[in-house]
Amino acid sequence: MSVTSPQRQLLSNSAIVTSLVIASRYIVVGLDDGQALVFSPEGASLHVLKASHTIRRLLAVGEDRLAIGCVGGVIESWNLSEGTQDWWRNVHDNTVTALANHGTDKIVSASRDFTIKVSSIKDGSTARTLEGHSDTVIAIATQKNIVVSASYDQTCKSWDIDAGSCLQTFMGHEAKVRSIALEGTTLVSGSLDGKIRVWNVNDGSCKAVIDGHTSIVNFIAIGSGLIVTAGADGKIGAWSLDTAEEKWTIPKAHPHAVNSIKIQNETVVSGGSDDVVRLWKLNDGSGTNELGTKSRAVWDVGFTTEGNVIEAFWEDGKAILAFLGRP
């Protein structure tokens, strides 16, 4: 790993980025060669963590801890200030697909083994196993004592984390569910056929069905009363969280798939295939800026706590992390 410019870090000449975490004190990039590269928010290289298995997901836990979800079902815990491993465990029987925090002492994980696990951050021991899906659990979202899961079995489920019981099953999608977002009593889910469904978390009822995309709904984010979605069709759209009314859409926000979106304050940042990083106003979808240079694929984008934009992208066979400044 070497610095290619004051605003860039070369991550790898061969590996691809599988996960990007931006926390208050650290930025961590996970690669499919088993390395997690740790940087300061200003871009200084701090540590290279060598996981025991191929990395699929990263999760910042508190100020100084990192959870790594791997191929094969392994979860590892690392001390970011020291760059040392605390523990690793075979938590699942197949690849870890998603990670989330539950309070300050537990990690919630999802897997291709069809289960959700609740584990201790102290040593990785399993406190709960949530079973009920019949296919890969691809995404989870937590809120207070509830975790919501999205599965390739075409359903979402809500669970009481402490009791380990299923509260609701959300049925109606006609394709695999790919993405979810949770806000208060509202759950939003997106599937591989481009449909977006808005649900009441409390009773499991479907409040609205949105024909939002013509292909996979890759990402859903919620901010300022709006549902923002991004798809493999290159489209970004926004709908009212309360009424599901369309507020704005950008049919070709990127020429190909939108690979990542994030919201901070009133700005949406997006990255896609064969394009630059783009910024949009949350209230009306108008484009405000283009950042970085055109690359083969922007894998992930995000904001630091100070409002700086960061992207992880692929260019000429190299994985690169770029610090793009404030919008």
C-alpha atoms as a PDB file:
ATOM      1  CA  MET A   1       0.000   0.000   0.000  1.00  0.00           C
ATOM      2  CA  SER A   2       1.345   3.433  -0.953  1.00  0.00           C
ATOM      3  CA  VAL A   3       0.103   6.984  -1.318  1.00  0.00           C
ATOM      4  CA  THR A   4      -0.493   7.877  -4.962  1.00  0.00           C
ATOM      5  CA  SER A   5      -1.361  11.547  -4.273  1.00  0.00           C
ATOM      6  CA  PRO A   6      -2.175  13.688  -1.218  1.00  0.00           C
ATOM      7  CA  GLN A   7      -5.874  12.854  -1.708  1.00  0.00           C
ATOM      8  CA  ARG A   8      -5.549   9.163  -2.607  1.00  0.00           C
ATOM      9  CA  GLN A   9      -4.474   5.892  -1.054  1.00  0.00           C
ATOM     10  CA  LEU A  10      -3.646   2.876  -3.193  1.00  0.00           C
ATOM     11  CA  LEU A  11      -5.357  -0.057  -1.475  1.00  0.00           C
ATOM     12  CA  SER A  12      -4.382  -2.963  -3.705  1.00  0.00           C
ATOM     13  CA  ASN A  13      -3.148  -3.872  -7.165  1.00  0.00           C
ATOM     14  CA  SER A  14      -5.415  -6.916  -7.356  1.00  0.00           C
ATOM     15  CA  ALA A  15      -8.037  -7.137  -4.571  1.00  0.00           C
ATOM     16  CA  ILE A  16     -11.489  -5.575  -4.681  1.00  0.00           C
ATOM     17  CA  VAL A  17     -13.277  -3.571  -2.000  1.00  0.00           C
ATOM     18  CA  THR A  18     -16.029  -5.501  -0.204  1.00  0.00           C
ATOM     19  CA  SER A  19     -16.886  -3.054   2.589  1.00  0.00           C
ATOM     20  CA  LEU A  20     -16.230   0.527   3.718  1.00  0.00           C
ATOM     21  CA  VAL A  21     -16.813   1.842   7.246  1.00  0.00           C
ATOM     22  CA  ILE A  22     -16.530   5.528   8.121  1.00  0.00           C
ATOM     23  CA  ALA A  23     -16.541   6.169  11.879  1.00  0.00           C
ATOM     24  CA  SER A  24     -15.702   9.227  13.956  1.00  0.00           C
ATOM     25  CA  ARG A  25     -12.062   8.252  14.527  1.00  0.00           C
ATOM     26  CA  TYR A  26     -11.344   5.722  11.780  1.00  0.00           C
ATOM     27  CA  ILE A  27     -11.990   4.831   8.176  1.00  0.00           C
ATOM     28  CA  VAL A  28     -11.691   1.113   7.401  1.00  0.00           C
ATOM     29  CA  VAL A  29     -11.715  -0.553   3.989  1.00  0.00           C
ATOM     30  CA  GLY A  30     -12.233  -4.314   3.700  1.00  0.00           C
ATOM     31  CA  LEU A  31     -10.730  -6.209   0.751  1.00  0.00           C
ATOM     32  CA  ASP A  32     -11.520  -9.648  -0.621  1.00  0.00           C
ATOM     33  CA  ASP A  33      -7.926 -10.754   0.025  1.00  0.00           C
ATOM     34  CA  GLY A  34      -8.597 -10.721   3.789  1.00  0.00           C
ATOM     35  CA  GLN A  35      -7.031  -7.362   4.596  1.00  0.00           C
ATOM     36  CA  ALA A  36      -8.758  -4.474   6.361  1.00  0.00           C
ATOM     37  CA  LEU A  37      -6.893  -1.184   5.922  1.00  0.00           C
ATOM     38  CA  VAL A  38      -7.340   1.396   8.675  1.00  0.00           C
ATOM     39  CA  PHE A  39      -6.955   5.150   8.095  1.00  0.00           C
ATOM     40  CA  SER A  40      -7.468   8.327  10.063  1.00  0.00           C
ATOM     41  CA  PRO A  41     -10.293  10.652   8.908  1.00  0.00           C
ATOM     42  CA  GLU A  42      -7.570  12.793   7.314  1.00  0.00           C
ATOM     43  CA  GLY A  43      -6.264   9.864   5.262  1.00  0.00           C
ATOM     44  CA  ALA A  44      -3.163   8.782   7.200  1.00  0.00           C
ATOM     45  CA  SER A  45      -2.504   5.036   7.106  1.00  0.00           C
ATOM     46  CA  LEU A  46      -2.730   3.531  10.617  1.00  0.00           C
ATOM     47  CA  HIS A  47      -2.960  -0.273  10.459  1.00  0.00           C
ATOM     48  CA  VAL A  48      -3.272  -3.229   8.116  1.00  0.00           C
ATOM     49  CA  LEU A  49      -5.451  -5.896   9.747  1.00  0.00           C
ATOM     50  CA  LYS A  50      -5.098  -9.395   8.340  1.00  0.00           C
ATOM     51  CA  ALA A  51      -8.328 -11.314   8.821  1.00  0.00           C
ATOM     52  CA  SER A  52      -8.317 -15.093   8.857  1.00  0.00           C
ATOM     53  CA  HIS A  53     -10.871 -15.325   6.032  1.00  0.00           C
ATOM     54  CA  THR A  54     -12.141 -13.330   3.042  1.00  0.00           C
ATOM     55  CA  ILE A  55     -13.896 -10.171   4.284  1.00  0.00           C
ATOM     56  CA  ARG A  56     -17.521  -9.555   3.383  1.00  0.00           C
ATOM     57  CA  ARG A  57     -18.771  -6.967   5.902  1.00  0.00           C
ATOM     58  CA  LEU A  58     -17.319  -4.479   8.402  1.00  0.00           C
ATOM     59  CA  LEU A  59     -18.995  -2.869  11.415  1.00  0.00           C
ATOM     60  CA  ALA A  60     -17.696  -0.112  13.680  1.00  0.00           C
ATOM     61  CA  VAL A  61     -18.441  -0.989  17.310  1.00  0.00           C
ATOM     62  CA  GLY A  62     -18.041   1.901  19.744  1.00  0.00           C
ATOM     63  CA  GLU A  63     -15.064   4.206  19.213  1.00  0.00           C
ATOM     64  CA  ASP A  64     -12.221   1.703  18.950  1.00  0.00           C
ATOM     65  CA  ARG A  65     -13.578  -1.665  17.880  1.00  0.00           C
ATOM     66  CA  LEU A  66     -14.215  -3.273  14.512  1.00  0.00           C
ATOM     67  CA  ALA A  67     -16.271  -6.381  13.760  1.00  0.00           C
ATOM     68  CA  ILE A  68     -15.412  -8.262  10.563  1.00  0.00           C
ATOM     69  CA  GLY A  69     -17.850 -10.691   8.964  1.00  0.00           C
ATOM     70  CA  CYS A  70     -16.222 -13.249   6.693  1.00  0.00           C
ATOM     71  CA  VAL A  71     -16.805 -15.978   4.166  1.00  0.00           C
ATOM     72  CA  GLY A  72     -17.491 -19.265   5.951  1.00  0.00           C
ATOM     73  CA  GLY A  73     -19.389 -17.659   8.844  1.00  0.00           C
ATOM     74  CA  VAL A  74     -16.452 -16.350  10.886  1.00  0.00           C
ATOM     75  CA  ILE A  75     -16.782 -13.084  12.826  1.00  0.00           C
ATOM     76  CA  GLU A  76     -13.667 -11.359  14.167  1.00  0.00           C
ATOM     77  CA  SER A  77     -13.258  -8.498  16.638  1.00  0.00           C
ATOM     78  CA  TRP A  78     -10.326  -6.070  16.367  1.00  0.00           C
ATOM     79  CA  ASN A  79      -8.985  -3.236  18.516  1.00  0.00           C
ATOM     80  CA  LEU A  80      -8.553  -0.315  16.117  1.00  0.00           C
ATOM     81  CA  SER A  81      -6.353   1.788  18.379  1.00  0.00           C
ATOM     82  CA  GLU A  82      -3.815  -1.038  18.698  1.00  0.00           C
ATOM     83  CA  GLY A  83      -4.432  -2.857  15.414  1.00  0.00           C
ATOM     84  CA  THR A  84      -4.757  -6.177  17.261  1.00  0.00           C
ATOM     85  CA  GLN A  85      -7.317  -8.976  17.157  1.00  0.00           C
ATOM     86  CA  ASP A  86      -9.450  -9.556  20.275  1.00  0.00           C
ATOM     87  CA  TRP A  87     -11.157 -12.774  19.145  1.00  0.00           C
ATOM     88  CA  TRP A  88     -12.635 -14.731  16.271  1.00  0.00           C
ATOM     89  CA  ARG A  89     -15.428 -17.304  16.211  1.00  0.00           C
ATOM     90  CA  ASN A  90     -17.334 -19.516  13.777  1.00  0.00           C
ATOM     91  CA  VAL A  91     -20.641 -17.805  14.483  1.00  0.00           C
ATOM     92  CA  HIS A  92     -22.451 -18.937  11.319  1.00  0.00           C
ATOM     93  CA  ASP A  93     -22.335 -21.976   9.055  1.00  0.00           C
ATOM     94  CA  ASN A  94     -22.011 -19.886   5.893  1.00  0.00           C
ATOM     95  CA  THR A  95     -20.910 -16.434   4.703  1.00  0.00           C
ATOM     96  CA  VAL A  96     -21.785 -13.417   6.853  1.00  0.00           C
ATOM     97  CA  THR A  97     -23.890 -11.032   4.751  1.00  0.00           C
ATOM     98  CA  ALA A  98     -24.709  -8.221   7.212  1.00  0.00           C
ATOM     99  CA  LEU A  99     -23.721  -6.804  10.600  1.00  0.00           C
ATOM    100  CA  ALA A 100     -25.412  -4.354  12.970  1.00  0.00           C
ATOM    101  CA  ASN A 101     -24.997  -3.070  16.516  1.00  0.00           C
ATOM    102  CA  HIS A 102     -27.419  -3.815  19.348  1.00  0.00           C
ATOM    103  CA  GLY A 103     -26.681  -1.512  22.249  1.00  0.00           C
ATOM    104  CA  THR A 104     -23.046  -1.339  23.327  1.00  0.00           C
ATOM    105  CA  ASP A 105     -22.464  -5.015  24.092  1.00  0.00           C
ATOM    106  CA  LYS A 106     -23.957  -7.069  21.242  1.00  0.00           C
ATOM    107  CA  ILE A 107     -23.524  -7.629  17.509  1.00  0.00           C
ATOM    108  CA  VAL A 108     -26.354  -8.800  15.257  1.00  0.00           C
ATOM    109  CA  SER A 109     -25.275 -10.744  12.166  1.00  0.00           C
ATOM    110  CA  ALA A 110     -27.017 -12.297   9.152  1.00  0.00           C
ATOM    111  CA  SER A 111     -25.837 -15.092   6.929  1.00  0.00           C
ATOM    112  CA  ARG A 112     -26.322 -17.311   3.923  1.00  0.00           C
ATOM    113  CA  ASP A 113     -27.126 -20.048   6.458  1.00  0.00           C
ATOM    114  CA  PHE A 114     -30.656 -18.478   6.692  1.00  0.00           C
ATOM    115  CA  THR A 115     -30.175 -17.308  10.312  1.00  0.00           C
ATOM    116  CA  ILE A 116     -29.627 -14.147  12.322  1.00  0.00           C
ATOM    117  CA  LYS A 117     -27.321 -14.374  15.348  1.00  0.00           C
ATOM    118  CA  VAL A 118     -27.021 -12.095  18.366  1.00  0.00           C
ATOM    119  CA  SER A 119     -23.489 -12.286  19.789  1.00  0.00           C
ATOM    120  CA  SER A 120     -21.514 -10.777  22.637  1.00  0.00           C
ATOM    121  CA  ILE A 121     -19.015  -8.129  21.582  1.00  0.00           C
ATOM    122  CA  LYS A 122     -16.842  -9.210  24.502  1.00  0.00           C
ATOM    123  CA  ASP A 123     -16.035 -12.719  23.245  1.00  0.00           C
ATOM    124  CA  GLY A 124     -18.325 -13.541  20.300  1.00  0.00           C
ATOM    125  CA  SER A 125     -20.433 -16.048  22.195  1.00  0.00           C
ATOM    126  CA  THR A 126     -23.951 -16.472  20.778  1.00  0.00           C
ATOM    127  CA  ALA A 127     -26.776 -15.129  22.935  1.00  0.00           C
ATOM    128  CA  ARG A 128     -29.635 -15.742  20.473  1.00  0.00           C
ATOM    129  CA  THR A 129     -30.237 -17.536  17.182  1.00  0.00           C
ATOM    130  CA  LEU A 130     -33.186 -16.209  15.179  1.00  0.00           C
ATOM    131  CA  GLU A 131     -34.545 -18.830  12.779  1.00  0.00           C
ATOM    132  CA  GLY A 132     -37.444 -18.637  10.343  1.00  0.00           C
ATOM    133  CA  HIS A 133     -36.151 -17.611   6.919  1.00  0.00           C
ATOM    134  CA  SER A 134     -35.842 -20.262   4.208  1.00  0.00           C
ATOM    135  CA  ASP A 135     -33.097 -18.603   2.164  1.00  0.00           C
ATOM    136  CA  THR A 136     -30.132 -16.224   2.524  1.00  0.00           C
ATOM    137  CA  VAL A 137     -30.666 -13.306   4.908  1.00  0.00           C
ATOM    138  CA  ILE A 138     -29.091 -10.463   2.947  1.00  0.00           C
ATOM    139  CA  ALA A 139     -29.757  -7.344   5.066  1.00  0.00           C
ATOM    140  CA  ILE A 140     -30.660  -6.337   8.622  1.00  0.00           C
ATOM    141  CA  ALA A 141     -31.594  -3.122  10.416  1.00  0.00           C
ATOM    142  CA  THR A 142     -31.838  -2.588  14.172  1.00  0.00           C
ATOM    143  CA  GLN A 143     -33.873  -0.157  16.245  1.00  0.00           C
ATOM    144  CA  LYS A 144     -34.104  -0.330  20.025  1.00  0.00           C
ATOM    145  CA  ASN A 145     -34.916  -3.973  20.791  1.00  0.00           C
ATOM    146  CA  ILE A 146     -36.015  -4.871  17.254  1.00  0.00           C
ATOM    147  CA  VAL A 147     -34.063  -6.248  14.317  1.00  0.00           C
ATOM    148  CA  VAL A 148     -35.646  -6.428  10.868  1.00  0.00           C
ATOM    149  CA  SER A 149     -34.267  -8.897   8.338  1.00  0.00           C
ATOM    150  CA  ALA A 150     -34.564  -9.115   4.552  1.00  0.00           C
ATOM    151  CA  SER A 151     -34.218 -12.434   2.779  1.00  0.00           C
ATOM    152  CA  TYR A 152     -33.981 -14.039  -0.616  1.00  0.00           C
ATOM    153  CA  ASP A 153     -37.076 -16.037   0.433  1.00  0.00           C
ATOM    154  CA  GLN A 154     -39.023 -12.887  -0.653  1.00  0.00           C
ATOM    155  CA  THR A 155     -39.968 -11.878   2.892  1.00  0.00           C
ATOM    156  CA  CYS A 156     -38.861  -9.543   5.645  1.00  0.00           C
ATOM    157  CA  LYS A 157     -39.244 -10.368   9.330  1.00  0.00           C
ATOM    158  CA  SER A 158     -39.123  -8.356  12.552  1.00  0.00           C
ATOM    159  CA  TRP A 159     -37.720  -9.912  15.708  1.00  0.00           C
ATOM    160  CA  ASP A 160     -37.580  -9.181  19.426  1.00  0.00           C
ATOM    161  CA  ILE A 161     -33.832  -9.398  19.981  1.00  0.00           C
ATOM    162  CA  ASP A 162     -33.889 -10.170  23.699  1.00  0.00           C
ATOM    163  CA  ALA A 163     -36.742 -12.679  23.554  1.00  0.00           C
ATOM    164  CA  GLY A 164     -35.514 -14.227  20.305  1.00  0.00           C
ATOM    165  CA  SER A 165     -39.055 -14.329  18.910  1.00  0.00           C
ATOM    166  CA  CYS A 166     -40.447 -13.351  15.505  1.00  0.00           C
ATOM    167  CA  LEU A 167     -42.885 -10.453  15.765  1.00  0.00           C
ATOM    168  CA  GLN A 168     -44.054 -10.018  12.168  1.00  0.00           C
ATOM    169  CA  THR A 169     -43.504 -11.538   8.736  1.00  0.00           C
ATOM    170  CA  PHE A 170     -43.827  -9.071   5.856  1.00  0.00           C
ATOM    171  CA  MET A 171     -45.091 -10.934   2.781  1.00  0.00           C
ATOM    172  CA  GLY A 172     -45.857  -9.535  -0.666  1.00  0.00           C
ATOM    173  CA  HIS A 173     -42.638  -9.257  -2.631  1.00  0.00           C
ATOM    174  CA  GLU A 174     -42.558 -11.426  -5.755  1.00  0.00           C
ATOM    175  CA  ALA A 175     -38.763 -11.476  -6.003  1.00  0.00           C
ATOM    176  CA  LYS A 176     -35.799 -11.745  -3.652  1.00  0.00           C
ATOM    177  CA  VAL A 177     -35.579  -8.855  -1.189  1.00  0.00           C
ATOM    178  CA  ARG A 178     -32.256  -7.028  -1.536  1.00  0.00           C
ATOM    179  CA  SER A 179     -32.373  -3.899   0.651  1.00  0.00           C
ATOM    180  CA  ILE A 180     -34.186  -2.422   3.655  1.00  0.00           C
ATOM    181  CA  ALA A 181     -34.338   0.717   5.778  1.00  0.00           C
ATOM    182  CA  LEU A 182     -36.076   1.218   9.123  1.00  0.00           C
ATOM    183  CA  GLU A 183     -37.369   4.496  10.548  1.00  0.00           C
ATOM    184  CA  GLY A 184     -39.718   4.603  13.529  1.00  0.00           C
ATOM    185  CA  THR A 185     -42.765   2.480  12.742  1.00  0.00           C
ATOM    186  CA  THR A 186     -41.991   2.328   9.009  1.00  0.00           C
ATOM    187  CA  LEU A 187     -40.026  -0.350   7.171  1.00  0.00           C
ATOM    188  CA  VAL A 188     -39.032   0.092   3.534  1.00  0.00           C
ATOM    189  CA  SER A 189     -37.872  -2.872   1.452  1.00  0.00           C
ATOM    190  CA  GLY A 190     -36.630  -3.226  -2.118  1.00  0.00           C
ATOM    191  CA  SER A 191     -36.437  -6.340  -4.275  1.00  0.00           C
ATOM    192  CA  LEU A 192     -34.684  -7.683  -7.336  1.00  0.00           C
ATOM    193  CA  ASP A 193     -37.654  -6.857  -9.590  1.00  0.00           C
ATOM    194  CA  GLY A 194     -37.431  -3.131  -8.803  1.00  0.00           C
ATOM    195  CA  LYS A 195     -40.439  -2.983  -6.480  1.00  0.00           C
ATOM    196  CA  ILE A 196     -40.336  -0.968  -3.238  1.00  0.00           C
ATOM    197  CA  ARG A 197     -42.740  -1.776  -0.419  1.00  0.00           C
ATOM    198  CA  VAL A 198     -43.548   0.425   2.571  1.00  0.00           C
ATOM    199  CA  TRP A 199     -44.717  -1.406   5.696  1.00  0.00           C
ATOM    200  CA  ASN A 200     -46.128  -0.712   9.131  1.00  0.00           C
ATOM    201  CA  VAL A 201     -43.655  -2.357  11.498  1.00  0.00           C
ATOM    202  CA  ASN A 202     -46.171  -2.764  14.302  1.00  0.00           C
ATOM    203  CA  ASP A 203     -48.851  -4.780  12.493  1.00  0.00           C
ATOM    204  CA  GLY A 204     -47.025  -5.998   9.368  1.00  0.00           C
ATOM    205  CA  SER A 205     -49.427  -4.307   6.940  1.00  0.00           C
ATOM    206  CA  CYS A 206     -48.221  -2.989   3.584  1.00  0.00           C
ATOM    207  CA  LYS A 207     -48.885   0.751   3.313  1.00  0.00           C
ATOM    208  CA  ALA A 208     -47.727   1.202  -0.294  1.00  0.00           C
ATOM    209  CA  VAL A 209     -46.127  -0.495  -3.283  1.00  0.00           C
ATOM    210  CA  ILE A 210     -43.874   1.673  -5.442  1.00  0.00           C
ATOM    211  CA  ASP A 211     -42.794   0.724  -8.965  1.00  0.00           C
ATOM    212  CA  GLY A 212     -39.538   2.507  -8.341  1.00  0.00           C
ATOM    213  CA  HIS A 213     -37.020   0.746 -10.560  1.00  0.00           C
ATOM    214  CA  THR A 214     -36.755  -1.548 -13.559  1.00  0.00           C
ATOM    215  CA  SER A 215     -34.060  -3.661 -11.917  1.00  0.00           C
ATOM    216  CA  ILE A 216     -32.553  -4.484  -8.509  1.00  0.00           C
ATOM    217  CA  VAL A 217     -33.141  -1.957  -5.716  1.00  0.00           C
ATOM    218  CA  ASN A 218     -29.567  -1.864  -4.478  1.00  0.00           C
ATOM    219  CA  PHE A 219     -29.877   0.669  -1.665  1.00  0.00           C
ATOM    220  CA  ILE A 220     -32.485   2.427   0.454  1.00  0.00           C
ATOM    221  CA  ALA A 221     -31.765   5.406   2.706  1.00  0.00           C
ATOM    222  CA  ILE A 222     -34.116   7.584   4.759  1.00  0.00           C
ATOM    223  CA  GLY A 223     -33.590  11.247   5.601  1.00  0.00           C
ATOM    224  CA  SER A 224     -35.702  14.369   6.271  1.00  0.00           C
ATOM    225  CA  GLY A 225     -38.947  12.470   5.766  1.00  0.00           C
ATOM    226  CA  LEU A 226     -37.891  11.035   2.413  1.00  0.00           C
ATOM    227  CA  ILE A 227     -37.201   7.513   1.180  1.00  0.00           C
ATOM    228  CA  VAL A 228     -34.270   7.590  -1.241  1.00  0.00           C
ATOM    229  CA  THR A 229     -33.600   4.533  -3.386  1.00  0.00           C
ATOM    230  CA  ALA A 230     -30.859   3.598  -5.847  1.00  0.00           C
ATOM    231  CA  GLY A 231     -31.014   0.832  -8.409  1.00  0.00           C
ATOM    232  CA  ALA A 232     -29.047  -1.310 -10.803  1.00  0.00           C
ATOM    233  CA  ASP A 233     -30.918   0.601 -13.537  1.00  0.00           C
ATOM    234  CA  GLY A 234     -28.869   3.749 -12.759  1.00  0.00           C
ATOM    235  CA  LYS A 235     -31.864   5.532 -11.248  1.00  0.00           C
ATOM    236  CA  ILE A 236     -32.150   7.421  -7.961  1.00  0.00           C
ATOM    237  CA  GLY A 237     -35.595   8.358  -6.657  1.00  0.00           C
ATOM    238  CA  ALA A 238     -37.218   9.905  -3.615  1.00  0.00           C
ATOM    239  CA  TRP A 239     -40.639   9.301  -2.090  1.00  0.00           C
ATOM    240  CA  SER A 240     -42.458  10.666   0.959  1.00  0.00           C
ATOM    241  CA  LEU A 241     -41.926   8.472   4.014  1.00  0.00           C
ATOM    242  CA  ASP A 242     -45.486   9.241   5.187  1.00  0.00           C
ATOM    243  CA  THR A 243     -47.496   8.942   1.955  1.00  0.00           C
ATOM    244  CA  ALA A 244     -45.131   7.170  -0.513  1.00  0.00           C
ATOM    245  CA  GLU A 245     -45.815  10.028  -2.953  1.00  0.00           C
ATOM    246  CA  GLU A 246     -43.063  10.516  -5.524  1.00  0.00           C
ATOM    247  CA  LYS A 247     -41.026  13.655  -4.825  1.00  0.00           C
ATOM    248  CA  TRP A 248     -38.350  13.388  -7.516  1.00  0.00           C
ATOM    249  CA  THR A 249     -36.546  10.887  -9.712  1.00  0.00           C
ATOM    250  CA  ILE A 250     -33.359  10.936 -11.758  1.00  0.00           C
ATOM    251  CA  PRO A 251     -33.758   8.179 -14.380  1.00  0.00           C
ATOM    252  CA  LYS A 252     -30.062   8.104 -15.254  1.00  0.00           C
ATOM    253  CA  ALA A 253     -28.257   9.424 -12.194  1.00  0.00           C
ATOM    254  CA  HIS A 254     -25.392   7.188 -13.318  1.00  0.00           C
ATOM    255  CA  PRO A 255     -24.917   5.514 -16.717  1.00  0.00           C
ATOM    256  CA  HIS A 256     -25.033   2.046 -15.200  1.00  0.00           C
ATOM    257  CA  ALA A 257     -25.767   0.577 -11.755  1.00  0.00           C
ATOM    258  CA  VAL A 258     -25.757   2.854  -8.714  1.00  0.00           C
ATOM    259  CA  ASN A 259     -23.453   1.031  -6.316  1.00  0.00           C
ATOM    260  CA  SER A 260     -23.804   3.220  -3.226  1.00  0.00           C
ATOM    261  CA  ILE A 261     -25.751   6.152  -1.772  1.00  0.00           C
ATOM    262  CA  LYS A 262     -25.446   7.960   1.550  1.00  0.00           C
ATOM    263  CA  ILE A 263     -27.285  10.928   3.072  1.00  0.00           C
ATOM    264  CA  GLN A 264     -25.811  13.592   5.328  1.00  0.00           C
ATOM    265  CA  ASN A 265     -27.766  16.689   6.302  1.00  0.00           C
ATOM    266  CA  GLU A 266     -29.544  17.713   3.074  1.00  0.00           C
ATOM    267  CA  THR A 267     -27.114  16.135   0.609  1.00  0.00           C
ATOM    268  CA  VAL A 268     -27.164  12.757  -1.133  1.00  0.00           C
ATOM    269  CA  VAL A 269     -23.864  11.337  -2.399  1.00  0.00           C
ATOM    270  CA  SER A 270     -23.883   8.520  -4.955  1.00  0.00           C
ATOM    271  CA  GLY A 271     -21.380   6.372  -6.797  1.00  0.00           C
ATOM    272  CA  GLY A 272     -21.883   4.113  -9.779  1.00  0.00           C
ATOM    273  CA  SER A 273     -20.294   2.027 -12.473  1.00  0.00           C
ATOM    274  CA  ASP A 274     -18.228   3.837 -15.120  1.00  0.00           C
ATOM    275  CA  ASP A 275     -18.766   7.276 -13.611  1.00  0.00           C
ATOM    276  CA  VAL A 276     -17.743   9.932 -11.092  1.00  0.00           C
ATOM    277  CA  VAL A 277     -19.119  10.594  -7.597  1.00  0.00           C
ATOM    278  CA  ARG A 278     -22.209  12.777  -7.764  1.00  0.00           C
ATOM    279  CA  LEU A 279     -23.968  15.012  -5.229  1.00  0.00           C
ATOM    280  CA  TRP A 280     -27.687  15.796  -5.157  1.00  0.00           C
ATOM    281  CA  LYS A 281     -29.948  18.055  -3.110  1.00  0.00           C
ATOM    282  CA  LEU A 282     -32.157  15.906  -0.917  1.00  0.00           C
ATOM    283  CA  ASN A 283     -35.194  18.183  -1.144  1.00  0.00           C
ATOM    284  CA  ASP A 284     -35.534  18.264  -4.953  1.00  0.00           C
ATOM    285  CA  GLY A 285     -32.904  15.938  -6.481  1.00  0.00           C
ATOM    286  CA  SER A 286     -31.091  18.676  -8.333  1.00  0.00           C
ATOM    287  CA  GLY A 287     -27.439  17.937  -9.044  1.00  0.00           C
ATOM    288  CA  THR A 288     -25.026  20.115  -7.129  1.00  0.00           C
ATOM    289  CA  ASN A 289     -21.565  18.790  -7.949  1.00  0.00           C
ATOM    290  CA  GLU A 290     -19.355  16.087  -9.421  1.00  0.00           C
ATOM    291  CA  LEU A 291     -16.340  14.899  -7.444  1.00  0.00           C
ATOM    292  CA  GLY A 292     -13.314  12.827  -8.335  1.00  0.00           C
ATOM    293  CA  THR A 293     -12.460  11.499 -11.761  1.00  0.00           C
ATOM    294  CA  LYS A 294     -14.341   9.019 -13.920  1.00  0.00           C
ATOM    295  CA  SER A 295     -13.454   5.469 -12.966  1.00  0.00           C
ATOM    296  CA  ARG A 296     -14.471   1.977 -14.015  1.00  0.00           C
ATOM    297  CA  ALA A 297     -16.491   1.435 -10.837  1.00  0.00           C
ATOM    298  CA  VAL A 298     -17.175   3.401  -7.668  1.00  0.00           C
ATOM    299  CA  TRP A 299     -17.680   0.628  -5.101  1.00  0.00           C
ATOM    300  CA  ASP A 300     -18.702   2.726  -2.116  1.00  0.00           C
ATOM    301  CA  VAL A 301     -19.095   6.340  -1.007  1.00  0.00           C
ATOM    302  CA  GLY A 302     -19.732   8.125   2.274  1.00  0.00           C
ATOM    303  CA  PHE A 303     -19.293  11.170   4.489  1.00  0.00           C
ATOM    304  CA  THR A 304     -16.939  11.640   7.405  1.00  0.00           C
ATOM    305  CA  THR A 305     -18.365  13.225  10.560  1.00  0.00           C
ATOM    306  CA  GLU A 306     -16.804  16.496   9.370  1.00  0.00           C
ATOM    307  CA  GLY A 307     -18.722  16.309   6.089  1.00  0.00           C
ATOM    308  CA  ASN A 308     -15.882  15.255   3.789  1.00  0.00           C
ATOM    309  CA  VAL A 309     -16.747  12.881   0.936  1.00  0.00           C
ATOM    310  CA  ILE A 310     -14.831   9.614   0.555  1.00  0.00           C
ATOM    311  CA  GLU A 311     -14.979   7.062  -2.249  1.00  0.00           C
ATOM    312  CA  ALA A 312     -13.549   3.598  -2.782  1.00  0.00           C
ATOM    313  CA  PHE A 313     -13.172   2.821  -6.482  1.00  0.00           C
ATOM    314  CA  TRP A 314     -11.510   0.709  -9.148  1.00  0.00           C
ATOM    315  CA  GLU A 315      -9.230   2.195 -11.785  1.00  0.00           C
ATOM    316  CA  ASP A 316      -6.876   0.375 -14.171  1.00  0.00           C
ATOM    317  CA  GLY A 317      -7.065  -2.792 -12.059  1.00  0.00           C
ATOM    318  CA  LYS A 318      -6.246  -0.961  -8.821  1.00  0.00           C
ATOM    319  CA  ALA A 319      -8.402  -0.422  -5.725  1.00  0.00           C
ATOM    320  CA  ILE A 320      -8.120   3.179  -4.522  1.00  0.00           C
ATOM    321  CA  LEU A 321      -9.492   5.197  -1.609  1.00  0.00           C
ATOM    322  CA  ALA A 322      -9.984   8.898  -2.408  1.00  0.00           C
ATOM    323  CA  PHE A 323     -10.576  11.798  -0.046  1.00  0.00           C
ATOM    324  CA  LEU A 324     -12.629  14.299  -2.056  1.00  0.00           C
ATOM    325  CA  GLY A 325     -13.171  17.100   0.458  1.00  0.00           C
ATOM    326  CA  ARG A 326     -16.402  18.826   1.401  1.00  0.00           C
ATOM    327  CA  PRO A 327     -19.187  19.349  -1.136  1.00  0.00           C
END
